[in-house]
Amino acid sequence: MQLDDAFELQLTELVAWYNTVACPCAFPRFRALTGLHFDAMILEKESLISLARSGYEITDFSERDDKTEVWLCKTCISSFYANFTPLQVLPGRWHDLVVVSQHFLSCKDAGADPEGKIPLCLDTIPNHDVSEVARKMTTTDFIAYMRQLK
């Protein structure tokens, strides 16, 4: 399963917009979504992490047993840990789940704080019930929620 082209373009434009306002680090809703830890692949989360990745200097953090990277924002110098956990998405097919957790935040928040459960548009892979931590939204509502300023 992958994002459709129109939604992928919307996410690309969202990350570009973050970078014109400040950087993705300055958006608490972005940080909340990318830091969501759940044993399923959440496509919009994985895509946002992938799209934002170029804005960070990335180094391996070899002192830990799991696969971990330190991400240093090129704009605001905030730092994050990116932990990679293997997940079997289909028999014989594995994907590294990424959870980006805040280590040091040096920017001021430009975006609005998260409200309630984290919004998701798509189903998870493998299909899990994420209703305890997330709520369903349309792609249009998701983009509007993620773009909301303080």
C-alpha atoms as a PDB file:
ATOM      1  CA  MET A   1       0.000   0.000   0.000  1.00  0.00           C
ATOM      2  CA  GLN A   2       1.265   3.464  -0.819  1.00  0.00           C
ATOM      3  CA  LEU A   3      -0.007   7.003  -0.848  1.00  0.00           C
ATOM      4  CA  ASP A   4      -1.821   8.179  -3.933  1.00  0.00           C
ATOM      5  CA  ASP A   5       0.000  10.803  -5.985  1.00  0.00           C
ATOM      6  CA  ALA A   6      -2.340  13.650  -5.015  1.00  0.00           C
ATOM      7  CA  PHE A   7      -1.915  13.068  -1.268  1.00  0.00           C
ATOM      8  CA  GLU A   8       1.858  12.592  -1.655  1.00  0.00           C
ATOM      9  CA  LEU A   9       1.973  15.981  -3.419  1.00  0.00           C
ATOM     10  CA  GLN A  10      -0.036  17.581  -0.594  1.00  0.00           C
ATOM     11  CA  LEU A  11       2.427  16.189   1.974  1.00  0.00           C
ATOM     12  CA  THR A  12       5.381  17.435  -0.106  1.00  0.00           C
ATOM     13  CA  GLU A  13       3.811  20.898  -0.224  1.00  0.00           C
ATOM     14  CA  LEU A  14       3.135  20.736   3.537  1.00  0.00           C
ATOM     15  CA  VAL A  15       6.811  20.081   4.338  1.00  0.00           C
ATOM     16  CA  ALA A  16       7.869  22.836   1.911  1.00  0.00           C
ATOM     17  CA  TRP A  17       5.449  25.201   3.662  1.00  0.00           C
ATOM     18  CA  TYR A  18       6.879  24.224   7.086  1.00  0.00           C
ATOM     19  CA  ASN A  19      10.284  25.219   5.750  1.00  0.00           C
ATOM     20  CA  THR A  20       9.048  28.632   4.587  1.00  0.00           C
ATOM     21  CA  VAL A  21       7.422  29.416   7.945  1.00  0.00           C
ATOM     22  CA  ALA A  22      10.234  28.025  10.134  1.00  0.00           C
ATOM     23  CA  CYS A  23      11.085  24.316   9.971  1.00  0.00           C
ATOM     24  CA  PRO A  24       9.145  21.115  10.744  1.00  0.00           C
ATOM     25  CA  CYS A  25      10.529  21.210  14.318  1.00  0.00           C
ATOM     26  CA  ALA A  26       8.435  24.334  15.028  1.00  0.00           C
ATOM     27  CA  PHE A  27       5.168  22.450  14.494  1.00  0.00           C
ATOM     28  CA  PRO A  28       3.976  20.486  17.551  1.00  0.00           C
ATOM     29  CA  ARG A  29       1.491  18.509  15.443  1.00  0.00           C
ATOM     30  CA  PHE A  30       4.311  17.364  13.145  1.00  0.00           C
ATOM     31  CA  ARG A  31       6.402  16.360  16.166  1.00  0.00           C
ATOM     32  CA  ALA A  32       3.452  14.488  17.703  1.00  0.00           C
ATOM     33  CA  LEU A  33       2.717  12.531  14.532  1.00  0.00           C
ATOM     34  CA  THR A  34       6.330  11.643  13.763  1.00  0.00           C
ATOM     35  CA  GLY A  35       6.861  10.625  17.393  1.00  0.00           C
ATOM     36  CA  LEU A  36       3.858   8.299  17.433  1.00  0.00           C
ATOM     37  CA  HIS A  37       5.006   4.805  18.379  1.00  0.00           C
ATOM     38  CA  PHE A  38       2.710   2.050  17.189  1.00  0.00           C
ATOM     39  CA  ASP A  39       3.480  -1.413  15.848  1.00  0.00           C
ATOM     40  CA  ALA A  40       2.060  -0.659  12.432  1.00  0.00           C
ATOM     41  CA  MET A  41       3.171   1.361   9.445  1.00  0.00           C
ATOM     42  CA  ILE A  42       1.316   4.679   9.236  1.00  0.00           C
ATOM     43  CA  LEU A  43       1.790   5.858   5.684  1.00  0.00           C
ATOM     44  CA  GLU A  44       1.316   9.591   6.195  1.00  0.00           C
ATOM     45  CA  LYS A  45       3.754   9.533   9.134  1.00  0.00           C
ATOM     46  CA  GLU A  46       6.385   7.574   7.199  1.00  0.00           C
ATOM     47  CA  SER A  47       5.999   9.887   4.209  1.00  0.00           C
ATOM     48  CA  LEU A  48       6.326  13.088   6.281  1.00  0.00           C
ATOM     49  CA  ILE A  49       9.475  11.751   7.949  1.00  0.00           C
ATOM     50  CA  SER A  50      10.949  10.842   4.574  1.00  0.00           C
ATOM     51  CA  LEU A  51      10.089  14.239   3.079  1.00  0.00           C
ATOM     52  CA  ALA A  52      11.481  16.213   6.039  1.00  0.00           C
ATOM     53  CA  ARG A  53      14.668  14.127   6.340  1.00  0.00           C
ATOM     54  CA  SER A  54      16.705  16.336   3.970  1.00  0.00           C
ATOM     55  CA  GLY A  55      16.401  19.227   6.433  1.00  0.00           C
ATOM     56  CA  TYR A  56      18.504  17.411   9.008  1.00  0.00           C
ATOM     57  CA  GLU A  57      22.157  16.461   9.430  1.00  0.00           C
ATOM     58  CA  ILE A  58      21.980  12.767  10.258  1.00  0.00           C
ATOM     59  CA  THR A  59      24.535  10.722  12.159  1.00  0.00           C
ATOM     60  CA  ASP A  60      24.481   7.184  13.503  1.00  0.00           C
ATOM     61  CA  PHE A  61      24.227   6.827  17.251  1.00  0.00           C
ATOM     62  CA  SER A  62      26.199   3.637  17.773  1.00  0.00           C
ATOM     63  CA  GLU A  63      26.093   3.604  21.583  1.00  0.00           C
ATOM     64  CA  ARG A  64      22.663   2.004  21.468  1.00  0.00           C
ATOM     65  CA  ASP A  65      21.789  -1.583  20.549  1.00  0.00           C
ATOM     66  CA  ASP A  66      18.950  -0.737  18.195  1.00  0.00           C
ATOM     67  CA  LYS A  67      19.322   1.213  14.978  1.00  0.00           C
ATOM     68  CA  THR A  68      19.241   4.841  16.034  1.00  0.00           C
ATOM     69  CA  GLU A  69      20.233   8.070  14.343  1.00  0.00           C
ATOM     70  CA  VAL A  70      20.639  11.583  15.698  1.00  0.00           C
ATOM     71  CA  TRP A  71      18.938  14.201  13.531  1.00  0.00           C
ATOM     72  CA  LEU A  72      20.151  17.806  13.856  1.00  0.00           C
ATOM     73  CA  CYS A  73      17.917  20.394  12.189  1.00  0.00           C
ATOM     74  CA  LYS A  74      19.813  22.490   9.643  1.00  0.00           C
ATOM     75  CA  THR A  75      17.531  25.463  10.371  1.00  0.00           C
ATOM     76  CA  CYS A  76      17.052  25.662  14.147  1.00  0.00           C
ATOM     77  CA  ILE A  77      19.664  23.189  15.496  1.00  0.00           C
ATOM     78  CA  SER A  78      17.052  21.164  17.396  1.00  0.00           C
ATOM     79  CA  SER A  79      18.018  17.526  17.791  1.00  0.00           C
ATOM     80  CA  PHE A  80      15.983  14.350  17.647  1.00  0.00           C
ATOM     81  CA  TYR A  81      16.546  10.622  17.939  1.00  0.00           C
ATOM     82  CA  ALA A  82      15.220   8.512  15.071  1.00  0.00           C
ATOM     83  CA  ASN A  83      14.708   4.909  16.162  1.00  0.00           C
ATOM     84  CA  PHE A  84      14.200   2.229  13.527  1.00  0.00           C
ATOM     85  CA  THR A  85      12.285  -0.944  14.352  1.00  0.00           C
ATOM     86  CA  PRO A  86      11.728  -3.729  11.803  1.00  0.00           C
ATOM     87  CA  LEU A  87       8.100  -4.612  11.093  1.00  0.00           C
ATOM     88  CA  GLN A  88       6.872  -7.439   8.905  1.00  0.00           C
ATOM     89  CA  VAL A  89       4.256  -5.795   6.682  1.00  0.00           C
ATOM     90  CA  LEU A  90       3.616  -8.849   4.520  1.00  0.00           C
ATOM     91  CA  PRO A  91       4.929 -12.403   4.739  1.00  0.00           C
ATOM     92  CA  GLY A  92       8.615 -12.134   3.860  1.00  0.00           C
ATOM     93  CA  ARG A  93       8.463  -8.335   3.463  1.00  0.00           C
ATOM     94  CA  TRP A  94       9.921  -6.089   6.152  1.00  0.00           C
ATOM     95  CA  HIS A  95       9.861  -2.332   6.646  1.00  0.00           C
ATOM     96  CA  ASP A  96      11.736  -0.225   9.225  1.00  0.00           C
ATOM     97  CA  LEU A  97       9.282   1.787  11.302  1.00  0.00           C
ATOM     98  CA  VAL A  98      10.694   5.146  12.304  1.00  0.00           C
ATOM     99  CA  VAL A  99       9.861   6.972  15.520  1.00  0.00           C
ATOM    100  CA  VAL A 100      11.372  10.437  15.829  1.00  0.00           C
ATOM    101  CA  SER A 101      11.626  11.577  19.440  1.00  0.00           C
ATOM    102  CA  GLN A 102      12.633  15.004  20.593  1.00  0.00           C
ATOM    103  CA  HIS A 103      16.019  15.303  22.289  1.00  0.00           C
ATOM    104  CA  PHE A 104      16.603  19.068  22.386  1.00  0.00           C
ATOM    105  CA  LEU A 105      14.200  21.654  20.974  1.00  0.00           C
ATOM    106  CA  SER A 106      15.699  25.077  20.266  1.00  0.00           C
ATOM    107  CA  CYS A 107      12.953  26.679  18.176  1.00  0.00           C
ATOM    108  CA  LYS A 108       9.783  28.499  19.179  1.00  0.00           C
ATOM    109  CA  ASP A 109       6.565  26.788  18.199  1.00  0.00           C
ATOM    110  CA  ALA A 110       4.953  28.296  15.110  1.00  0.00           C
ATOM    111  CA  GLY A 111       2.231  25.689  14.763  1.00  0.00           C
ATOM    112  CA  ALA A 112      -0.739  24.880  16.930  1.00  0.00           C
ATOM    113  CA  ASP A 113      -0.566  22.293  19.683  1.00  0.00           C
ATOM    114  CA  PRO A 114      -2.069  18.839  19.063  1.00  0.00           C
ATOM    115  CA  GLU A 115      -5.756  18.522  19.892  1.00  0.00           C
ATOM    116  CA  GLY A 116      -6.921  15.184  21.213  1.00  0.00           C
ATOM    117  CA  LYS A 117      -5.987  12.084  19.284  1.00  0.00           C
ATOM    118  CA  ILE A 118      -3.522  12.326  16.397  1.00  0.00           C
ATOM    119  CA  PRO A 119      -5.321  12.475  13.028  1.00  0.00           C
ATOM    120  CA  LEU A 120      -4.710   9.829  10.395  1.00  0.00           C
ATOM    121  CA  CYS A 121      -6.190   9.515   6.918  1.00  0.00           C
ATOM    122  CA  LEU A 122      -5.182   6.043   5.851  1.00  0.00           C
ATOM    123  CA  ASP A 123      -5.265   2.544   7.224  1.00  0.00           C
ATOM    124  CA  THR A 124      -2.218   1.079   8.893  1.00  0.00           C
ATOM    125  CA  ILE A 125      -0.113  -1.811   7.588  1.00  0.00           C
ATOM    126  CA  PRO A 126      -0.677  -4.448   8.860  1.00  0.00           C
ATOM    127  CA  ASN A 127      -4.203  -3.331   9.596  1.00  0.00           C
ATOM    128  CA  HIS A 128      -4.433  -2.421  13.291  1.00  0.00           C
ATOM    129  CA  ASP A 129      -7.023  -0.542  15.269  1.00  0.00           C
ATOM    130  CA  VAL A 130      -5.309   2.711  16.243  1.00  0.00           C
ATOM    131  CA  SER A 131      -8.453   4.356  17.644  1.00  0.00           C
ATOM    132  CA  GLU A 132      -6.890   4.672  21.109  1.00  0.00           C
ATOM    133  CA  VAL A 133      -4.210   7.051  19.820  1.00  0.00           C
ATOM    134  CA  ALA A 134      -5.630   8.355  16.532  1.00  0.00           C
ATOM    135  CA  ARG A 135      -8.778   9.498  14.795  1.00  0.00           C
ATOM    136  CA  LYS A 136      -9.712   9.286  11.114  1.00  0.00           C
ATOM    137  CA  MET A 137      -9.758  12.393   8.928  1.00  0.00           C
ATOM    138  CA  THR A 138     -10.074  13.146   5.264  1.00  0.00           C
ATOM    139  CA  THR A 139      -6.834  14.093   3.516  1.00  0.00           C
ATOM    140  CA  THR A 140      -8.045  17.699   3.158  1.00  0.00           C
ATOM    141  CA  ASP A 141      -8.856  17.978   6.873  1.00  0.00           C
ATOM    142  CA  PHE A 142      -5.530  16.336   7.746  1.00  0.00           C
ATOM    143  CA  ILE A 143      -3.512  18.900   5.763  1.00  0.00           C
ATOM    144  CA  ALA A 144      -5.531  21.788   7.275  1.00  0.00           C
ATOM    145  CA  TYR A 145      -4.981  20.393  10.793  1.00  0.00           C
ATOM    146  CA  MET A 146      -1.224  19.963  10.235  1.00  0.00           C
ATOM    147  CA  ARG A 147      -0.872  23.517   8.799  1.00  0.00           C
ATOM    148  CA  GLN A 148      -2.686  25.319  11.603  1.00  0.00           C
ATOM    149  CA  LEU A 149      -0.609  28.095  13.177  1.00  0.00           C
ATOM    150  CA  LYS A 150      -0.677  29.235  16.810  1.00  0.00           C
END
